[in-house]
Amino acid sequence: MPRPEDVNPQNYRVESVLFDDGDFSIAWGEWEAGTMCLAMRWNGEGNDPGYPKLFGNPVWFVLPESVTLPLLRGLIGTESTVSDNILDALKLAAVRCQSDQSMSKFEKFFNRK
């Protein structure tokens, strides 16, 4: 079973692991040399590389940008998370939202009650 921080296929480089309970992991990383995004995977057991895998090698399932903020928000305070890594990812996501001219959506999302 590979450690999530060691799963770095050519098209996705792990910046930080946000959640890892031993069985399942969520990471923040760089997709195809440019886009920062969330990805997830089942870690596997023993010699099993987990899922997803490509030709027997462990890879990440990259998530669409539309679910980034809700998932990051939902991870805060969850067992098996690294809070500092989540907050760093939220800051980077906020910068991306601002550069995409959608900061108001970001602000509304976090100011909901």
N, C-alpha and C. Protein backbone atom coordinates (compact mmCIF):
# COMPACT_ATOMS: atom_id res chain seq x y z
N MET A 1 0.85 -1.18 0.00
CA MET A 1 0.00 0.00 0.00
C MET A 1 0.90 1.23 0.00
N PRO A 2 0.80 2.07 -1.03
CA PRO A 2 1.61 3.28 -1.06
C PRO A 2 1.06 4.35 -0.12
N ARG A 3 1.95 5.14 0.45
CA ARG A 3 1.51 6.29 1.24
C ARG A 3 0.99 7.34 0.27
N PRO A 4 -0.08 8.07 0.63
CA PRO A 4 -0.66 9.03 -0.32
C PRO A 4 0.35 10.08 -0.81
N GLU A 5 1.25 10.52 0.07
CA GLU A 5 2.22 11.54 -0.35
C GLU A 5 3.24 10.99 -1.35
N ASP A 6 3.30 9.66 -1.48
CA ASP A 6 4.22 9.05 -2.43
C ASP A 6 3.58 8.73 -3.78
N VAL A 7 2.28 8.97 -3.90
CA VAL A 7 1.58 8.72 -5.16
C VAL A 7 1.63 10.01 -5.98
N ASN A 8 2.59 10.08 -6.87
CA ASN A 8 2.80 11.27 -7.70
C ASN A 8 2.98 10.87 -9.16
N PRO A 9 1.87 10.51 -9.83
CA PRO A 9 1.98 10.17 -11.24
C PRO A 9 2.40 11.41 -12.05
N GLN A 10 2.70 11.20 -13.29
CA GLN A 10 3.20 12.28 -14.14
C GLN A 10 2.25 13.49 -14.21
N ASN A 11 0.95 13.26 -14.16
CA ASN A 11 0.00 14.36 -14.36
C ASN A 11 -0.55 14.97 -13.07
N TYR A 12 -0.15 14.47 -11.89
CA TYR A 12 -0.65 15.04 -10.63
C TYR A 12 0.45 14.96 -9.58
N ARG A 13 0.84 16.14 -9.06
CA ARG A 13 1.87 16.21 -8.03
C ARG A 13 1.21 16.62 -6.71
N VAL A 14 1.34 15.79 -5.69
CA VAL A 14 0.74 16.08 -4.38
C VAL A 14 1.48 17.23 -3.72
N GLU A 15 0.74 18.27 -3.38
CA GLU A 15 1.28 19.39 -2.60
C GLU A 15 1.16 19.08 -1.12
N SER A 16 -0.02 18.59 -0.71
CA SER A 16 -0.24 18.23 0.69
C SER A 16 -1.39 17.23 0.79
N VAL A 17 -1.28 16.36 1.78
CA VAL A 17 -2.35 15.41 2.08
C VAL A 17 -3.27 16.09 3.09
N LEU A 18 -4.57 16.16 2.75
CA LEU A 18 -5.55 16.83 3.60
C LEU A 18 -6.27 15.86 4.53
N PHE A 19 -6.46 14.65 4.05
CA PHE A 19 -7.19 13.63 4.80
C PHE A 19 -6.54 12.29 4.52
N ASP A 20 -6.30 11.51 5.58
CA ASP A 20 -5.77 10.16 5.41
C ASP A 20 -6.14 9.34 6.63
N ASP A 21 -7.08 8.40 6.44
CA ASP A 21 -7.46 7.53 7.55
C ASP A 21 -6.85 6.14 7.41
N GLY A 22 -5.87 6.03 6.52
CA GLY A 22 -5.23 4.74 6.26
C GLY A 22 -5.86 4.00 5.09
N ASP A 23 -7.18 4.09 4.95
CA ASP A 23 -7.88 3.43 3.85
C ASP A 23 -8.14 4.37 2.68
N PHE A 24 -8.42 5.63 2.96
CA PHE A 24 -8.86 6.60 1.97
C PHE A 24 -8.11 7.91 2.19
N SER A 25 -7.75 8.59 1.10
CA SER A 25 -7.00 9.85 1.21
C SER A 25 -7.54 10.90 0.26
N ILE A 26 -7.40 12.15 0.69
CA ILE A 26 -7.72 13.31 -0.14
C ILE A 26 -6.49 14.21 -0.13
N ALA A 27 -6.09 14.67 -1.30
CA ALA A 27 -4.90 15.51 -1.42
C ALA A 27 -5.20 16.79 -2.18
N TRP A 28 -4.37 17.78 -1.95
CA TRP A 28 -4.36 19.03 -2.70
C TRP A 28 -3.08 18.98 -3.53
N GLY A 29 -3.20 19.22 -4.84
CA GLY A 29 -2.02 19.14 -5.67
C GLY A 29 -2.17 19.82 -7.00
N GLU A 30 -1.15 19.66 -7.80
CA GLU A 30 -1.08 20.32 -9.10
C GLU A 30 -1.38 19.33 -10.22
N TRP A 31 -2.42 19.64 -10.99
CA TRP A 31 -2.86 18.79 -12.09
C TRP A 31 -2.25 19.30 -13.39
N GLU A 32 -1.58 18.43 -14.11
CA GLU A 32 -1.00 18.72 -15.42
C GLU A 32 -0.24 20.04 -15.45
N ALA A 33 0.65 20.19 -14.48
CA ALA A 33 1.59 21.32 -14.43
C ALA A 33 0.91 22.69 -14.49
N GLY A 34 -0.05 22.90 -13.59
CA GLY A 34 -0.62 24.24 -13.57
C GLY A 34 -1.84 24.45 -12.71
N THR A 35 -2.79 23.56 -12.73
CA THR A 35 -4.04 23.75 -12.02
C THR A 35 -3.99 23.06 -10.66
N MET A 36 -4.20 23.84 -9.60
CA MET A 36 -4.27 23.26 -8.26
C MET A 36 -5.68 22.73 -8.04
N CYS A 37 -5.78 21.51 -7.52
CA CYS A 37 -7.09 20.91 -7.34
C CYS A 37 -7.05 19.79 -6.30
N LEU A 38 -8.24 19.33 -5.93
CA LEU A 38 -8.38 18.20 -5.01
C LEU A 38 -8.37 16.90 -5.81
N ALA A 39 -7.87 15.85 -5.15
CA ALA A 39 -7.93 14.51 -5.72
C ALA A 39 -8.10 13.52 -4.57
N MET A 40 -8.61 12.34 -4.88
CA MET A 40 -8.82 11.34 -3.84
C MET A 40 -8.49 9.95 -4.36
N ARG A 41 -8.32 9.02 -3.41
CA ARG A 41 -8.03 7.64 -3.77
C ARG A 41 -8.23 6.72 -2.58
N TRP A 42 -8.50 5.45 -2.87
CA TRP A 42 -8.46 4.39 -1.89
C TRP A 42 -7.03 3.90 -1.84
N ASN A 43 -6.45 3.75 -0.66
CA ASN A 43 -5.03 3.47 -0.53
C ASN A 43 -4.62 2.02 -0.79
N GLY A 44 -5.51 1.08 -0.62
CA GLY A 44 -5.17 -0.33 -0.82
C GLY A 44 -4.55 -0.93 0.43
N GLU A 45 -4.29 -2.24 0.38
CA GLU A 45 -3.70 -2.96 1.51
C GLU A 45 -2.55 -3.81 1.01
N GLY A 46 -1.51 -3.93 1.83
CA GLY A 46 -0.37 -4.76 1.47
C GLY A 46 0.27 -4.32 0.17
N ASN A 47 0.37 -5.23 -0.81
CA ASN A 47 0.96 -4.91 -2.11
C ASN A 47 -0.03 -4.30 -3.09
N ASP A 48 -1.31 -4.21 -2.69
CA ASP A 48 -2.33 -3.62 -3.55
C ASP A 48 -2.10 -2.11 -3.66
N PRO A 49 -1.97 -1.56 -4.88
CA PRO A 49 -1.72 -0.13 -5.04
C PRO A 49 -2.95 0.74 -4.80
N GLY A 50 -4.09 0.14 -4.46
CA GLY A 50 -5.29 0.92 -4.21
C GLY A 50 -6.05 1.25 -5.48
N TYR A 51 -6.96 2.21 -5.36
CA TYR A 51 -7.80 2.59 -6.49
C TYR A 51 -8.00 4.10 -6.48
N PRO A 52 -7.88 4.77 -7.58
CA PRO A 52 -7.64 4.21 -8.91
C PRO A 52 -6.18 3.83 -9.12
N LYS A 53 -6.00 3.03 -10.16
CA LYS A 53 -4.64 2.64 -10.58
C LYS A 53 -4.64 2.57 -12.10
N LEU A 54 -3.48 2.76 -12.67
CA LEU A 54 -3.32 2.73 -14.12
C LEU A 54 -2.16 1.81 -14.43
N PHE A 55 -2.46 0.71 -15.12
CA PHE A 55 -1.44 -0.30 -15.43
C PHE A 55 -0.73 -0.77 -14.16
N GLY A 56 -1.50 -0.92 -13.07
CA GLY A 56 -0.97 -1.41 -11.81
C GLY A 56 -0.28 -0.36 -10.95
N ASN A 57 -0.23 0.89 -11.43
CA ASN A 57 0.41 1.97 -10.68
C ASN A 57 -0.65 2.86 -10.04
N PRO A 58 -0.43 3.26 -8.78
CA PRO A 58 -1.42 4.11 -8.11
C PRO A 58 -1.49 5.50 -8.73
N VAL A 59 -2.70 6.00 -8.88
CA VAL A 59 -2.95 7.35 -9.39
C VAL A 59 -4.05 7.99 -8.55
N TRP A 60 -4.35 9.24 -8.83
CA TRP A 60 -5.39 10.00 -8.12
C TRP A 60 -6.59 10.23 -9.03
N PHE A 61 -7.77 10.30 -8.42
CA PHE A 61 -9.00 10.71 -9.10
C PHE A 61 -9.15 12.20 -8.84
N VAL A 62 -9.00 13.02 -9.88
CA VAL A 62 -9.06 14.48 -9.75
C VAL A 62 -10.51 14.92 -9.73
N LEU A 63 -10.83 15.79 -8.79
CA LEU A 63 -12.21 16.27 -8.61
C LEU A 63 -12.45 17.57 -9.36
N PRO A 64 -13.68 17.80 -9.82
CA PRO A 64 -13.98 19.05 -10.51
C PRO A 64 -13.91 20.24 -9.56
N GLU A 65 -13.55 21.39 -10.12
CA GLU A 65 -13.41 22.60 -9.33
C GLU A 65 -14.70 22.96 -8.59
N SER A 66 -15.84 22.62 -9.14
CA SER A 66 -17.12 22.99 -8.53
C SER A 66 -17.34 22.35 -7.16
N VAL A 67 -16.62 21.27 -6.83
CA VAL A 67 -16.79 20.64 -5.52
C VAL A 67 -15.66 20.98 -4.55
N THR A 68 -14.68 21.75 -4.99
CA THR A 68 -13.51 22.06 -4.15
C THR A 68 -13.90 22.75 -2.86
N LEU A 69 -14.60 23.86 -2.94
CA LEU A 69 -14.93 24.61 -1.72
C LEU A 69 -15.83 23.83 -0.77
N PRO A 70 -16.90 23.18 -1.26
CA PRO A 70 -17.72 22.41 -0.32
C PRO A 70 -16.94 21.28 0.37
N LEU A 71 -16.09 20.59 -0.36
CA LEU A 71 -15.31 19.51 0.25
C LEU A 71 -14.29 20.03 1.24
N LEU A 72 -13.59 21.09 0.90
CA LEU A 72 -12.62 21.66 1.83
C LEU A 72 -13.32 22.11 3.11
N ARG A 73 -14.44 22.76 2.94
CA ARG A 73 -15.20 23.23 4.11
C ARG A 73 -15.66 22.05 4.96
N GLY A 74 -16.10 20.98 4.33
CA GLY A 74 -16.57 19.81 5.05
C GLY A 74 -15.46 19.04 5.77
N LEU A 75 -14.23 19.18 5.31
CA LEU A 75 -13.12 18.48 5.95
C LEU A 75 -12.64 19.15 7.24
N ILE A 76 -12.94 20.42 7.41
CA ILE A 76 -12.46 21.15 8.59
C ILE A 76 -12.99 20.47 9.85
N GLY A 77 -12.08 20.10 10.74
CA GLY A 77 -12.45 19.50 12.01
C GLY A 77 -12.78 18.02 11.94
N THR A 78 -12.66 17.42 10.77
CA THR A 78 -12.94 16.00 10.62
C THR A 78 -11.75 15.18 11.12
N GLU A 79 -12.04 14.06 11.77
CA GLU A 79 -10.96 13.17 12.20
C GLU A 79 -10.15 12.73 10.99
N SER A 80 -8.87 12.55 11.16
CA SER A 80 -7.93 12.11 10.12
C SER A 80 -7.55 13.21 9.14
N THR A 81 -7.85 14.47 9.49
CA THR A 81 -7.46 15.57 8.62
C THR A 81 -6.24 16.30 9.18
N VAL A 82 -5.58 17.04 8.29
CA VAL A 82 -4.48 17.91 8.67
C VAL A 82 -4.99 19.33 8.48
N SER A 83 -5.44 19.96 9.58
CA SER A 83 -6.14 21.24 9.51
C SER A 83 -5.32 22.33 8.83
N ASP A 84 -4.02 22.42 9.13
CA ASP A 84 -3.20 23.45 8.50
C ASP A 84 -3.16 23.29 6.99
N ASN A 85 -3.08 22.05 6.51
CA ASN A 85 -3.07 21.80 5.07
C ASN A 85 -4.40 22.20 4.44
N ILE A 86 -5.50 21.95 5.14
CA ILE A 86 -6.82 22.33 4.62
C ILE A 86 -6.93 23.84 4.53
N LEU A 87 -6.48 24.55 5.56
CA LEU A 87 -6.54 26.01 5.54
C LEU A 87 -5.67 26.58 4.43
N ASP A 88 -4.50 26.01 4.21
CA ASP A 88 -3.64 26.45 3.10
C ASP A 88 -4.35 26.25 1.76
N ALA A 89 -4.99 25.10 1.58
CA ALA A 89 -5.72 24.82 0.34
C ALA A 89 -6.88 25.79 0.16
N LEU A 90 -7.58 26.12 1.25
CA LEU A 90 -8.67 27.09 1.18
C LEU A 90 -8.15 28.46 0.74
N LYS A 91 -7.00 28.87 1.25
CA LYS A 91 -6.43 30.16 0.86
C LYS A 91 -6.11 30.16 -0.64
N LEU A 92 -5.51 29.08 -1.12
CA LEU A 92 -5.19 29.00 -2.55
C LEU A 92 -6.45 28.96 -3.40
N ALA A 93 -7.47 28.26 -2.93
CA ALA A 93 -8.74 28.21 -3.67
C ALA A 93 -9.38 29.59 -3.70
N ALA A 94 -9.24 30.35 -2.61
CA ALA A 94 -9.80 31.71 -2.56
C ALA A 94 -9.10 32.62 -3.56
N VAL A 95 -7.78 32.48 -3.67
CA VAL A 95 -7.03 33.27 -4.64
C VAL A 95 -7.49 32.94 -6.05
N ARG A 96 -7.70 31.65 -6.32
CA ARG A 96 -8.17 31.25 -7.65
C ARG A 96 -9.56 31.81 -7.92
N CYS A 97 -10.43 31.77 -6.91
CA CYS A 97 -11.77 32.33 -7.08
C CYS A 97 -11.69 33.82 -7.38
N GLN A 98 -10.82 34.50 -6.69
CA GLN A 98 -10.66 35.94 -6.90
C GLN A 98 -10.15 36.21 -8.31
N SER A 99 -9.18 35.44 -8.76
CA SER A 99 -8.65 35.65 -10.10
C SER A 99 -9.66 35.26 -11.17
N ASP A 100 -10.62 34.42 -10.83
CA ASP A 100 -11.68 34.03 -11.77
C ASP A 100 -12.87 34.98 -11.72
N GLN A 101 -12.73 36.09 -11.02
CA GLN A 101 -13.81 37.07 -10.90
C GLN A 101 -15.04 36.51 -10.20
N SER A 102 -14.85 35.52 -9.31
CA SER A 102 -15.99 34.91 -8.63
C SER A 102 -15.83 34.97 -7.12
N MET A 103 -15.13 35.97 -6.62
CA MET A 103 -14.92 36.08 -5.18
C MET A 103 -16.25 36.22 -4.44
N SER A 104 -17.22 36.88 -5.04
CA SER A 104 -18.50 37.03 -4.35
C SER A 104 -19.13 35.67 -4.06
N LYS A 105 -19.00 34.71 -4.98
CA LYS A 105 -19.52 33.36 -4.74
C LYS A 105 -18.78 32.73 -3.57
N PHE A 106 -17.48 32.91 -3.52
CA PHE A 106 -16.66 32.37 -2.44
C PHE A 106 -17.09 32.97 -1.11
N GLU A 107 -17.24 34.30 -1.08
CA GLU A 107 -17.64 34.96 0.16
C GLU A 107 -19.03 34.50 0.60
N LYS A 108 -19.96 34.41 -0.34
CA LYS A 108 -21.31 33.94 0.01
C LYS A 108 -21.26 32.53 0.57
N PHE A 109 -20.44 31.67 -0.02
CA PHE A 109 -20.34 30.29 0.42
C PHE A 109 -19.90 30.21 1.88
N PHE A 110 -18.89 31.00 2.26
CA PHE A 110 -18.37 30.91 3.62
C PHE A 110 -19.13 31.75 4.63
N ASN A 111 -19.98 32.63 4.17
CA ASN A 111 -20.76 33.44 5.09
C ASN A 111 -22.18 32.90 5.27
N ARG A 112 -22.47 31.73 4.70
CA ARG A 112 -23.78 31.11 4.87
C ARG A 112 -23.98 30.72 6.32
N LYS A 113 -25.22 30.67 6.72
CA LYS A 113 -25.53 30.23 8.08
C LYS A 113 -26.44 29.04 8.02
